[in-house]
C-alpha atoms as a PDB file:
ATOM      1  CA  MET A   1     -34.272-193.470-136.171  1.00  0.00           C
ATOM      2  CA  PHE A   2     -34.578-192.409-132.517  1.00  0.00           C
ATOM      3  CA  VAL A   3     -33.526-188.844-133.322  1.00  0.00           C
ATOM      4  CA  ARG A   4     -35.861-188.740-136.332  1.00  0.00           C
ATOM      5  CA  LEU A   5     -38.801-189.881-134.196  1.00  0.00           C
ATOM      6  CA  LEU A   6     -38.206-187.008-131.788  1.00  0.00           C
ATOM      7  CA  GLN A   7     -37.811-184.546-134.665  1.00  0.00           C
ATOM      8  CA  VAL A   8     -41.102-185.402-136.381  1.00  0.00           C
ATOM      9  CA  SER A   9     -43.232-186.069-133.320  1.00  0.00           C
ATOM     10  CA  ASP A  10     -44.963-183.797-130.883  1.00  0.00           C
ATOM     11  CA  ILE A  11     -42.826-185.242-128.086  1.00  0.00           C
ATOM     12  CA  ARG A  12     -41.061-182.369-126.397  1.00  0.00           C
ATOM     13  CA  PRO A  13     -38.807-182.464-123.366  1.00  0.00           C
ATOM     14  CA  ALA A  14     -39.401-180.312-120.339  1.00  0.00           C
ATOM     15  CA  PRO A  15     -37.829-176.850-120.711  1.00  0.00           C
ATOM     16  CA  GLY A  16     -34.060-176.975-120.302  1.00  0.00           C
ATOM     17  CA  LEU A  17     -33.771-180.743-120.830  1.00  0.00           C
ATOM     18  CA  ALA A  18     -32.255-182.557-123.784  1.00  0.00           C
ATOM     19  CA  PRO A  19     -34.766-184.742-125.665  1.00  0.00           C
ATOM     20  CA  THR A  20     -33.007-187.869-124.429  1.00  0.00           C
ATOM     21  CA  ARG A  21     -32.341-186.973-120.789  1.00  0.00           C
ATOM     22  CA  ASP A  22     -32.829-190.043-118.579  1.00  0.00           C
ATOM     23  CA  THR A  23     -33.682-192.236-121.569  1.00  0.00           C
ATOM     24  CA  CYS A  24     -30.269-193.808-122.123  1.00  0.00           C
ATOM     25  CA  LEU A  25     -31.150-197.267-120.811  1.00  0.00           C
ATOM     26  CA  TYR A  26     -34.351-197.357-122.872  1.00  0.00           C
ATOM     27  CA  ALA A  27     -32.526-196.068-125.963  1.00  0.00           C
ATOM     28  CA  SER A  28     -29.636-198.493-125.506  1.00  0.00           C
ATOM     29  CA  THR A  29     -31.953-201.455-125.020  1.00  0.00           C
ATOM     30  CA  MET A  30     -33.892-200.613-128.173  1.00  0.00           C
ATOM     31  CA  LEU A  31     -30.736-199.988-130.179  1.00  0.00           C
ATOM     32  CA  ALA A  32     -29.058-203.198-129.006  1.00  0.00           C
ATOM     33  CA  GLU A  33     -32.116-205.251-129.977  1.00  0.00           C
ATOM     34  CA  MET A  34     -32.378-203.628-133.396  1.00  0.00           C
ATOM     35  CA  LEU A  35     -28.687-204.033-134.213  1.00  0.00           C
ATOM     36  CA  HIS A  36     -28.808-207.666-133.093  1.00  0.00           C
ATOM     37  CA  ARG A  37     -32.054-208.655-134.810  1.00  0.00           C
ATOM     38  CA  PHE A  38     -31.757-206.663-138.016  1.00  0.00           C
ATOM     39  CA  GLY A  39     -28.017-206.084-138.378  1.00  0.00           C
ATOM     40  CA  GLY A  40     -26.635-209.433-137.284  1.00  0.00           C
ATOM     41  CA  CYS A  41     -24.438-207.679-134.716  1.00  0.00           C
ATOM     42  CA  ARG A  42     -23.360-208.849-131.297  1.00  0.00           C
ATOM     43  CA  THR A  43     -24.384-206.197-128.803  1.00  0.00           C
ATOM     44  CA  THR A  44     -23.720-205.520-125.155  1.00  0.00           C
ATOM     45  CA  ILE A  45     -25.303-202.733-123.156  1.00  0.00           C
ATOM     46  CA  ARG A  46     -22.595-200.999-121.153  1.00  0.00           C
ATOM     47  CA  GLY A  47     -22.810-198.270-118.564  1.00  0.00           C
ATOM     48  CA  GLY A  48     -21.678-196.815-115.318  1.00  0.00           C
ATOM     49  CA  ASP A  49     -22.915-194.709-112.440  1.00  0.00           C
ATOM     50  CA  GLY A  50     -20.751-191.670-113.222  1.00  0.00           C
ATOM     51  CA  LYS A  51     -19.175-191.734-109.793  1.00  0.00           C
ATOM     52  CA  LEU A  52     -16.783-194.518-108.907  1.00  0.00           C
ATOM     53  CA  ASP A  53     -18.016-197.098-111.398  1.00  0.00           C
ATOM     54  CA  GLY A  54     -17.599-195.910-114.973  1.00  0.00           C
ATOM     55  CA  GLY A  55     -20.006-193.888-117.077  1.00  0.00           C
ATOM     56  CA  TYR A  56     -19.748-191.106-119.619  1.00  0.00           C
ATOM     57  CA  VAL A  57     -16.774-188.738-119.252  1.00  0.00           C
ATOM     58  CA  HIS A  58     -17.384-185.289-120.730  1.00  0.00           C
ATOM     59  CA  GLU A  59     -14.574-183.538-122.623  1.00  0.00           C
ATOM     60  CA  GLN A  60     -13.956-181.327-119.551  1.00  0.00           C
ATOM     61  CA  GLY A  61     -13.582-184.438-117.374  1.00  0.00           C
ATOM     62  CA  GLU A  62     -16.985-184.347-115.678  1.00  0.00           C
ATOM     63  CA  ARG A  63     -18.507-187.826-115.199  1.00  0.00           C
ATOM     64  CA  PHE A  64     -22.137-188.821-115.665  1.00  0.00           C
ATOM     65  CA  GLY A  65     -24.134-191.984-115.103  1.00  0.00           C
ATOM     66  CA  HIS A  66     -24.982-193.342-118.541  1.00  0.00           C
ATOM     67  CA  PHE A  67     -25.721-196.375-120.729  1.00  0.00           C
ATOM     68  CA  TRP A  68     -24.590-197.052-124.308  1.00  0.00           C
ATOM     69  CA  VAL A  69     -24.154-200.026-126.657  1.00  0.00           C
ATOM     70  CA  GLU A  70     -20.943-201.828-127.510  1.00  0.00           C
ATOM     71  CA  VAL A  71     -21.292-203.495-130.905  1.00  0.00           C
ATOM     72  CA  VAL A  72     -19.381-206.053-132.934  1.00  0.00           C
ATOM     73  CA  SER A  73     -20.598-206.097-136.528  1.00  0.00           C
ATOM     74  CA  ALA A  74     -20.969-209.245-138.611  1.00  0.00           C
ATOM     75  CA  ASP A  75     -17.591-208.499-140.206  1.00  0.00           C
ATOM     76  CA  GLY A  76     -15.888-208.110-136.815  1.00  0.00           C
ATOM     77  CA  GLN A  77     -15.716-204.326-136.461  1.00  0.00           C
ATOM     78  CA  ALA A  78     -16.052-203.242-132.828  1.00  0.00           C
ATOM     79  CA  PHE A  79     -17.552-199.875-131.987  1.00  0.00           C
ATOM     80  CA  VAL A  80     -19.587-197.919-129.456  1.00  0.00           C
ATOM     81  CA  CYS A  81     -22.964-196.502-130.417  1.00  0.00           C
ATOM     82  CA  ASP A  82     -24.762-193.963-128.251  1.00  0.00           C
ATOM     83  CA  ILE A  83     -28.100-192.416-129.238  1.00  0.00           C
ATOM     84  CA  ALA A  84     -28.583-190.425-126.032  1.00  0.00           C
ATOM     85  CA  ALA A  85     -25.291-188.509-125.690  1.00  0.00           C
ATOM     86  CA  ASP A  86     -26.920-185.198-126.610  1.00  0.00           C
ATOM     87  CA  GLN A  87     -27.938-184.854-122.961  1.00  0.00           C
ATOM     88  CA  PHE A  88     -24.237-184.148-122.287  1.00  0.00           C
ATOM     89  CA  GLY A  89     -23.811-181.742-125.188  1.00  0.00           C
ATOM     90  CA  ALA A  90     -22.469-184.344-127.620  1.00  0.00           C
ATOM     91  CA  ASP A  91     -23.964-185.185-130.996  1.00  0.00           C
ATOM     92  CA  PRO A  92     -27.362-186.927-130.836  1.00  0.00           C
ATOM     93  CA  VAL A  93     -25.829-190.035-132.400  1.00  0.00           C
ATOM     94  CA  VAL A  94     -22.276-191.044-131.519  1.00  0.00           C
ATOM     95  CA  VAL A  95     -20.530-193.928-133.270  1.00  0.00           C
ATOM     96  CA  LEU A  96     -16.882-194.470-132.370  1.00  0.00           C
ATOM     97  CA  PRO A  97     -14.445-197.300-132.991  1.00  0.00           C
ATOM     98  CA  LEU A  98     -14.098-199.189-129.719  1.00  0.00           C
ATOM     99  CA  GLU A  99     -10.450-198.177-129.287  1.00  0.00           C
ATOM    100  CA  ALA A 100     -11.276-194.485-129.735  1.00  0.00           C
ATOM    101  CA  SER A 101     -14.150-194.602-127.237  1.00  0.00           C
ATOM    102  CA  GLN A 102     -12.292-195.702-124.109  1.00  0.00           C
ATOM    103  CA  ALA A 103     -11.598-192.224-122.698  1.00  0.00           C
ATOM    104  CA  ARG A 104     -15.213-191.085-123.036  1.00  0.00           C
ATOM    105  CA  TYR A 105     -17.079-194.342-122.373  1.00  0.00           C
ATOM    106  CA  VAL A 106     -15.834-196.090-119.237  1.00  0.00           C
ATOM    107  CA  CYS A 107     -17.483-199.437-118.543  1.00  0.00           C
ATOM    108  CA  GLY A 108     -18.751-199.959-115.021  1.00  0.00           C
ATOM    109  CA  ASN A 109     -19.785-203.118-113.201  1.00  0.00           C
ATOM    110  CA  GLN A 110     -21.210-205.267-115.995  1.00  0.00           C
ATOM    111  CA  ALA A 111     -23.259-207.442-113.637  1.00  0.00           C
ATOM    112  CA  GLU A 112     -25.100-204.339-112.393  1.00  0.00           C
ATOM    113  CA  VAL A 113     -25.547-202.944-115.914  1.00  0.00           C
ATOM    114  CA  SER A 114     -26.945-206.288-117.116  1.00  0.00           C
ATOM    115  CA  ARG A 115     -29.269-206.489-114.103  1.00  0.00           C
ATOM    116  CA  GLN A 116     -30.726-203.081-114.921  1.00  0.00           C
ATOM    117  CA  ALA A 117     -31.009-203.807-118.662  1.00  0.00           C
ATOM    118  CA  ASP A 118     -32.633-207.200-118.032  1.00  0.00           C
ATOM    119  CA  GLY A 119     -35.067-205.592-115.595  1.00  0.00           C
ATOM    120  CA  LEU A 120     -36.052-202.971-118.147  1.00  0.00           C
ATOM    121  CA  MET A 121     -36.560-205.608-120.848  1.00  0.00           C
ATOM    122  CA  ALA A 122     -38.782-207.636-118.511  1.00  0.00           C
ATOM    123  CA  GLU A 123     -40.811-204.501-117.745  1.00  0.00           C
ATOM    124  CA  VAL A 124     -41.209-203.690-121.450  1.00  0.00           C
ATOM    125  CA  LEU A 125     -42.303-207.241-122.281  1.00  0.00           C
ATOM    126  CA  ALA A 126     -44.796-207.275-119.393  1.00  0.00           C
ATOM    127  CA  THR A 127     -46.268-203.991-120.643  1.00  0.00           C
ATOM    128  CA  GLN A 128     -46.587-205.401-124.160  1.00  0.00           C
ATOM    129  CA  ARG A 129     -48.409-208.466-122.847  1.00  0.00           C
ATOM    130  CA  LYS A 130     -50.965-206.201-121.177  1.00  0.00           C
ATOM    131  CA  GLY A 131     -51.562-204.376-124.448  1.00  0.00           C
ATOM    132  CA  LEU A 132     -50.558-200.973-125.680  1.00  0.00           C
ATOM    133  CA  ARG A 133     -51.252-198.322-123.076  1.00  0.00           C
ATOM    134  CA  GLY A 134     -52.222-194.798-123.969  1.00  0.00           C
ATOM    135  CA  LEU A 135     -53.048-195.695-127.567  1.00  0.00           C
ATOM    136  CA  SER A 136     -56.424-194.639-128.841  1.00  0.00           C
ATOM    137  CA  LEU A 137     -57.472-196.571-131.903  1.00  0.00           C
END
């Protein structure tokens, strides 16, 4: 859905940037909520700083700060879902069994990841309470 929105909209990234650059926490928060509410999945936003505390590890070994979603489906299947990996040259949507994801997706300090995700959710909810900004009806 996220990729489709970018494909059909007039939203364009700055030249040289992937459409999802610096959106991984937003994308992961949205995805986690949707999978939980509409898919009956248990979700956890994971991430790391790309330095000493986890993150995304590119095929060539380069590390990046990043967020993604760890999911357990209603039937108990565990997997990683990432809808912002294209910023690292990966597919726009990555879904991997949890066991197969460990080399690429290295979990960092979960308390810090949760703090950032909770802060973003609070910001989004506060914005919604104020009304939709930038929308001309």
